[in-house]
N, C-alpha and C. Protein backbone atom coordinates (compact mmCIF):
# COMPACT_ATOMS: atom_id res chain seq x y z
N MET A 1 0.67 -1.09 0.40
CA MET A 1 -0.03 -0.26 -0.14
C MET A 1 1.25 0.64 0.15
N SER A 2 0.58 2.49 -0.42
CA SER A 2 1.66 4.03 -1.38
C SER A 2 1.36 4.22 0.33
N ALA A 3 1.89 5.65 0.35
CA ALA A 3 1.80 6.32 1.58
C ALA A 3 0.08 7.24 1.05
N LEU A 4 -0.40 7.45 2.31
CA LEU A 4 -2.06 7.90 2.66
C LEU A 4 -2.03 9.47 1.61
N PRO A 5 -3.22 9.16 1.15
CA PRO A 5 -3.56 10.64 0.64
C PRO A 5 -3.23 11.87 1.77
N ALA A 6 -3.52 12.84 1.63
CA ALA A 6 -3.30 13.94 2.14
C ALA A 6 -4.74 14.74 2.54
N ASP A 7 -5.41 13.78 2.15
CA ASP A 7 -6.43 14.63 1.93
C ASP A 7 -7.44 13.75 2.46
N VAL A 8 -7.26 11.76 3.37
CA VAL A 8 -7.99 11.53 3.99
C VAL A 8 -8.55 11.93 5.27
N GLU A 9 -7.75 11.50 6.16
CA GLU A 9 -8.76 12.92 6.87
C GLU A 9 -10.40 14.17 6.99
N THR A 10 -9.66 14.57 6.03
CA THR A 10 -10.54 15.13 5.52
C THR A 10 -12.17 15.11 5.11
N ALA A 11 -11.29 13.88 4.18
CA ALA A 11 -12.87 12.94 3.18
C ALA A 11 -13.25 12.49 4.91
N ILE A 12 -12.84 11.79 5.79
CA ILE A 12 -13.26 11.06 6.74
C ILE A 12 -14.71 12.42 6.89
N ARG A 13 -13.35 13.58 7.50
CA ARG A 13 -14.77 14.13 8.58
C ARG A 13 -16.25 15.29 7.59
N GLU A 14 -15.39 14.92 6.85
CA GLU A 14 -16.55 15.36 5.36
C GLU A 14 -17.28 14.13 5.12
N THR A 15 -17.44 12.86 5.19
CA THR A 15 -17.81 11.41 4.70
C THR A 15 -18.78 12.30 6.98
N LEU A 16 -18.40 12.26 7.86
CA LEU A 16 -19.43 11.73 8.85
C LEU A 16 -20.25 13.20 9.44
N GLN A 17 -19.75 13.89 9.00
CA GLN A 17 -20.72 15.20 8.71
C GLN A 17 -22.02 15.15 7.85
N GLU A 18 -21.48 14.85 6.89
CA GLU A 18 -22.99 14.57 6.59
C GLU A 18 -23.55 13.50 6.37
N SER A 19 -23.18 11.74 7.47
CA SER A 19 -23.67 11.21 7.81
C SER A 19 -25.03 11.64 9.31
N GLY A 20 -24.15 12.87 9.67
CA GLY A 20 -24.64 13.71 10.79
C GLY A 20 -24.78 12.92 12.47
N VAL A 21 -23.18 12.89 11.89
CA VAL A 21 -22.29 12.55 13.22
C VAL A 21 -21.76 14.24 13.49
N ASP A 22 -21.56 14.31 15.00
CA ASP A 22 -22.02 15.42 16.01
C ASP A 22 -20.28 14.89 16.46
N LEU A 23 -19.29 16.13 15.77
CA LEU A 23 -17.87 15.47 15.22
C LEU A 23 -16.83 16.58 16.40
N SER A 24 -17.90 17.32 17.73
CA SER A 24 -17.16 17.40 18.52
C SER A 24 -16.61 17.08 20.02
N ARG A 25 -16.28 16.33 19.61
CA ARG A 25 -16.04 15.09 20.18
C ARG A 25 -15.17 14.15 19.20
N VAL A 26 -14.96 14.03 19.11
CA VAL A 26 -14.59 13.00 17.86
C VAL A 26 -13.31 13.37 17.51
N LEU A 27 -11.84 12.79 16.85
CA LEU A 27 -10.40 12.99 16.18
C LEU A 27 -10.46 11.97 15.80
N ILE A 28 -9.29 13.16 15.46
CA ILE A 28 -9.01 11.67 13.00
C ILE A 28 -7.95 11.80 13.83
N GLU A 29 -6.88 10.78 13.74
CA GLU A 29 -5.63 10.15 14.00
C GLU A 29 -4.53 9.46 12.60
N ARG A 30 -3.30 10.09 12.91
CA ARG A 30 -3.24 8.88 11.25
C ARG A 30 -1.68 8.32 12.12
N HIS A 31 -1.42 7.72 11.33
CA HIS A 31 -0.52 6.56 11.81
C HIS A 31 0.37 6.19 10.89
N GLY A 32 0.85 6.36 10.52
CA GLY A 32 1.29 5.77 9.05
C GLY A 32 0.73 5.23 7.96
N GLN A 33 -0.13 3.67 7.60
CA GLN A 33 -1.12 3.64 6.85
C GLN A 33 -2.47 4.01 7.57
N ASP A 34 -2.13 3.65 8.58
CA ASP A 34 -3.42 3.03 9.52
C ASP A 34 -4.27 4.96 9.80
N VAL A 35 -5.11 4.91 10.21
CA VAL A 35 -6.36 5.99 10.01
C VAL A 35 -7.34 5.54 11.85
N VAL A 36 -6.94 6.47 12.74
CA VAL A 36 -7.67 6.48 13.67
C VAL A 36 -8.87 6.92 14.05
N VAL A 37 -10.31 6.61 13.58
CA VAL A 37 -10.98 7.33 14.06
C VAL A 37 -11.47 7.21 15.54
N LYS A 38 -11.11 8.26 16.95
CA LYS A 38 -11.66 8.00 18.48
C LYS A 38 -12.71 8.76 18.39
N GLY A 39 -13.13 8.56 19.69
CA GLY A 39 -13.45 9.53 20.92
C GLY A 39 -14.65 9.25 20.98
N ALA A 40 -16.36 9.79 21.44
CA ALA A 40 -17.42 9.34 22.24
C ALA A 40 -18.25 10.45 20.89
N VAL A 41 -19.72 9.86 21.00
CA VAL A 41 -20.79 10.18 20.05
C VAL A 41 -21.98 10.27 21.52
N ASN A 42 -22.85 11.64 20.65
CA ASN A 42 -24.08 11.30 22.57
C ASN A 42 -25.37 10.14 21.91
N THR A 43 -25.20 8.64 20.52
CA THR A 43 -25.55 7.83 20.60
C THR A 43 -24.71 6.91 19.64
N ALA A 44 -26.24 5.87 19.90
CA ALA A 44 -25.42 4.68 19.05
C ALA A 44 -26.20 4.41 17.50
N ALA A 45 -26.54 5.58 17.60
CA ALA A 45 -27.57 5.68 16.27
C ALA A 45 -26.04 6.69 15.11
N GLU A 46 -25.18 7.64 16.41
CA GLU A 46 -24.05 8.40 15.28
C GLU A 46 -23.23 7.33 15.31
N LYS A 47 -23.20 6.41 16.37
CA LYS A 47 -21.66 5.71 16.20
C LYS A 47 -21.86 4.63 15.38
N ALA A 48 -23.02 4.47 14.80
CA ALA A 48 -22.93 3.57 14.01
C ALA A 48 -23.37 3.84 13.04
N LEU A 49 -23.46 5.66 12.66
CA LEU A 49 -23.23 6.11 11.22
C LEU A 49 -21.03 6.82 10.70
N ALA A 50 -20.93 6.63 12.22
CA ALA A 50 -19.70 6.68 11.87
C ALA A 50 -18.61 5.28 11.31
N GLU A 51 -19.34 4.41 11.92
CA GLU A 51 -18.53 2.65 11.55
C GLU A 51 -19.05 2.29 10.53
N ALA A 52 -19.97 2.82 9.62
CA ALA A 52 -20.35 2.53 8.51
C ALA A 52 -19.75 4.05 7.52
N ALA A 53 -20.29 4.93 7.67
CA ALA A 53 -18.58 5.81 7.14
C ALA A 53 -17.11 5.55 7.06
N ALA A 54 -16.61 4.08 8.43
CA ALA A 54 -15.19 3.98 8.15
C ALA A 54 -15.27 3.25 7.51
N ALA A 55 -16.27 2.15 7.06
CA ALA A 55 -16.47 1.20 6.32
C ALA A 55 -16.02 1.71 4.90
N ARG A 56 -17.24 2.56 4.23
CA ARG A 56 -17.29 2.81 3.40
C ARG A 56 -15.51 3.53 2.69
N LEU A 57 -15.08 4.30 3.47
CA LEU A 57 -13.84 5.03 3.16
C LEU A 57 -12.31 4.24 3.37
N SER A 58 -12.64 2.83 3.39
CA SER A 58 -12.25 1.42 4.17
C SER A 58 -10.75 1.85 2.85
N ARG A 59 -11.44 1.67 2.03
CA ARG A 59 -10.96 1.22 0.65
C ARG A 59 -9.76 2.95 0.20
N ARG A 60 -9.62 3.32 0.69
CA ARG A 60 -8.89 4.67 0.78
C ARG A 60 -7.46 4.39 1.56
N ALA A 61 -8.10 4.05 2.49
CA ALA A 61 -7.00 3.45 3.88
C ALA A 61 -7.31 2.53 5.40
N ARG A 62 -6.58 2.15 5.69
CA ARG A 62 -7.13 1.59 6.56
C ARG A 62 -7.48 2.17 7.91
N ILE A 63 -8.87 2.12 7.75
CA ILE A 63 -9.63 2.96 9.19
C ILE A 63 -10.51 1.24 9.94
N PHE A 64 -9.59 2.24 11.72
CA PHE A 64 -9.60 1.74 12.44
C PHE A 64 -11.32 2.66 13.41
N CYS A 65 -12.07 2.75 13.40
CA CYS A 65 -13.07 3.57 14.38
C CYS A 65 -13.14 2.81 16.00
N GLU A 66 -13.00 3.40 16.79
CA GLU A 66 -12.93 3.29 18.33
C GLU A 66 -13.63 4.71 19.04
N ILE A 67 -15.20 4.30 18.03
CA ILE A 67 -15.98 5.87 18.80
C ILE A 67 -16.59 4.83 19.63
N GLU A 68 -17.45 6.23 20.53
CA GLU A 68 -18.37 5.07 21.59
C GLU A 68 -19.44 5.90 22.72
N VAL A 69 -20.42 5.61 22.62
CA VAL A 69 -21.06 6.17 23.51
C VAL A 69 -21.55 6.58 24.43
N ALA A 70 -21.04 8.59 24.97
CA ALA A 70 -20.81 8.89 25.78
C ALA A 70 -21.69 9.88 25.99
N LEU A 71 -23.27 10.22 26.90
CA LEU A 71 -24.45 11.20 26.64
C LEU A 71 -24.10 12.01 27.35
N ILE A 72 -22.83 12.56 28.65
CA ILE A 72 -23.29 13.50 29.24
C ILE A 72 -20.62 13.75 29.02
N TYR A 73 -20.96 14.87 28.34
CA TYR A 73 -19.43 15.61 28.73
C TYR A 73 -18.44 14.83 29.21
N GLU A 74 -17.34 15.35 29.04
CA GLU A 74 -16.09 14.10 30.38
C GLU A 74 -15.20 15.34 30.29
N ALA A 75 -15.11 16.07 30.64
CA ALA A 75 -14.40 17.08 30.55
C ALA A 75 -12.88 17.21 31.60
N ALA A 76 -12.15 17.71 31.22
CA ALA A 76 -10.75 17.30 31.70
C ALA A 76 -10.78 17.34 33.27
N GLU A 77 -10.57 17.05 34.56
CA GLU A 77 -10.27 16.83 34.83
C GLU A 77 -10.09 17.67 35.99
N ASP A 78 -10.82 18.86 36.34
CA ASP A 78 -10.72 20.21 36.78
C ASP A 78 -9.53 20.14 39.05
N VAL A 79 -9.08 20.37 38.74
CA VAL A 79 -8.30 21.19 40.11
C VAL A 79 -8.63 22.07 40.70
N VAL A 80 -9.46 22.42 41.60
CA VAL A 80 -9.53 22.98 42.91
C VAL A 80 -8.62 23.07 44.29
N TYR A 81 -7.83 24.45 43.91
CA TYR A 81 -7.49 24.36 45.34
C TYR A 81 -8.24 24.73 46.24
N GLU A 82 -7.58 25.38 47.56
CA GLU A 82 -8.03 25.18 48.69
C GLU A 82 -7.61 26.63 49.00
N ALA A 83 -8.90 27.65 49.21
CA ALA A 83 -8.27 29.14 49.44
C ALA A 83 -7.82 28.86 51.39
N GLY A 84 -6.82 29.50 52.20
CA GLY A 84 -6.61 30.29 52.79
C GLY A 84 -7.24 30.85 53.27
N ILE A 85 -7.60 30.81 55.00
CA ILE A 85 -7.51 32.11 55.63
C ILE A 85 -6.56 33.54 54.85
N GLU A 86 -5.66 33.63 54.99
CA GLU A 86 -5.36 34.62 54.96
C GLU A 86 -5.40 35.01 53.39
N SER A 87 -6.39 34.32 52.35
CA SER A 87 -6.17 34.39 51.81
C SER A 87 -7.07 36.06 50.83
N PHE A 88 -7.91 35.72 52.13
CA PHE A 88 -9.75 37.18 51.93
C PHE A 88 -8.29 38.74 52.37
N PRO A 89 -9.40 38.94 51.36
CA PRO A 89 -8.69 40.54 52.35
C PRO A 89 -9.92 40.62 53.30
N ALA A 90 -8.66 41.94 54.45
CA ALA A 90 -9.54 41.91 55.80
C ALA A 90 -10.78 42.93 55.96
N SER A 91 -11.25 43.51 55.08
CA SER A 91 -12.13 44.01 55.22
C SER A 91 -13.47 43.01 54.02
N ASP A 92 -13.17 42.18 54.69
CA ASP A 92 -14.16 41.15 54.33
C ASP A 92 -13.63 39.39 54.43
N PRO A 93 -14.19 39.03 55.42
CA PRO A 93 -14.11 37.87 56.63
C PRO A 93 -14.34 36.78 55.41
N PRO A 94 -13.94 34.75 55.45
CA PRO A 94 -14.96 34.20 55.23
C PRO A 94 -16.14 34.42 56.18
N CYS A 95 -17.38 34.35 55.83
CA CYS A 95 -18.53 33.26 56.78
C CYS A 95 -18.00 32.62 57.93
N TRP A 96 -16.93 31.95 57.84
CA TRP A 96 -16.82 30.69 59.16
C TRP A 96 -15.57 31.86 59.65
N ALA A 97 -15.59 33.21 60.25
CA ALA A 97 -14.66 33.03 60.75
C ALA A 97 -15.32 34.04 62.06
N SER A 98 -14.27 32.86 62.56
CA SER A 98 -15.90 34.18 64.65
C SER A 98 -15.21 35.55 64.37
N ARG A 99 -16.96 36.20 65.52
CA ARG A 99 -15.76 37.88 65.19
C ARG A 99 -15.91 37.71 66.51
């Protein structure tokens, strides 16, 4: 198999959009001769559409579809540091400070 055409990623993205797949949480990665479509979609129907679109384009490249269904958006972990009493201005004491 020769090198992948430069437009394979674009073709996959356009095919998925035309199929009605929400691409906001989908990544398309190229690894040598392979293309991996991974991420999450909202419904099983979108997952089936993504898999069918990848199968249609598999004549142009080896495409692996690693899409999963995730109904809730999963953001990266957000670390929040607890503020100490010394971080509050003197004019605005925290509500738990005794008077």
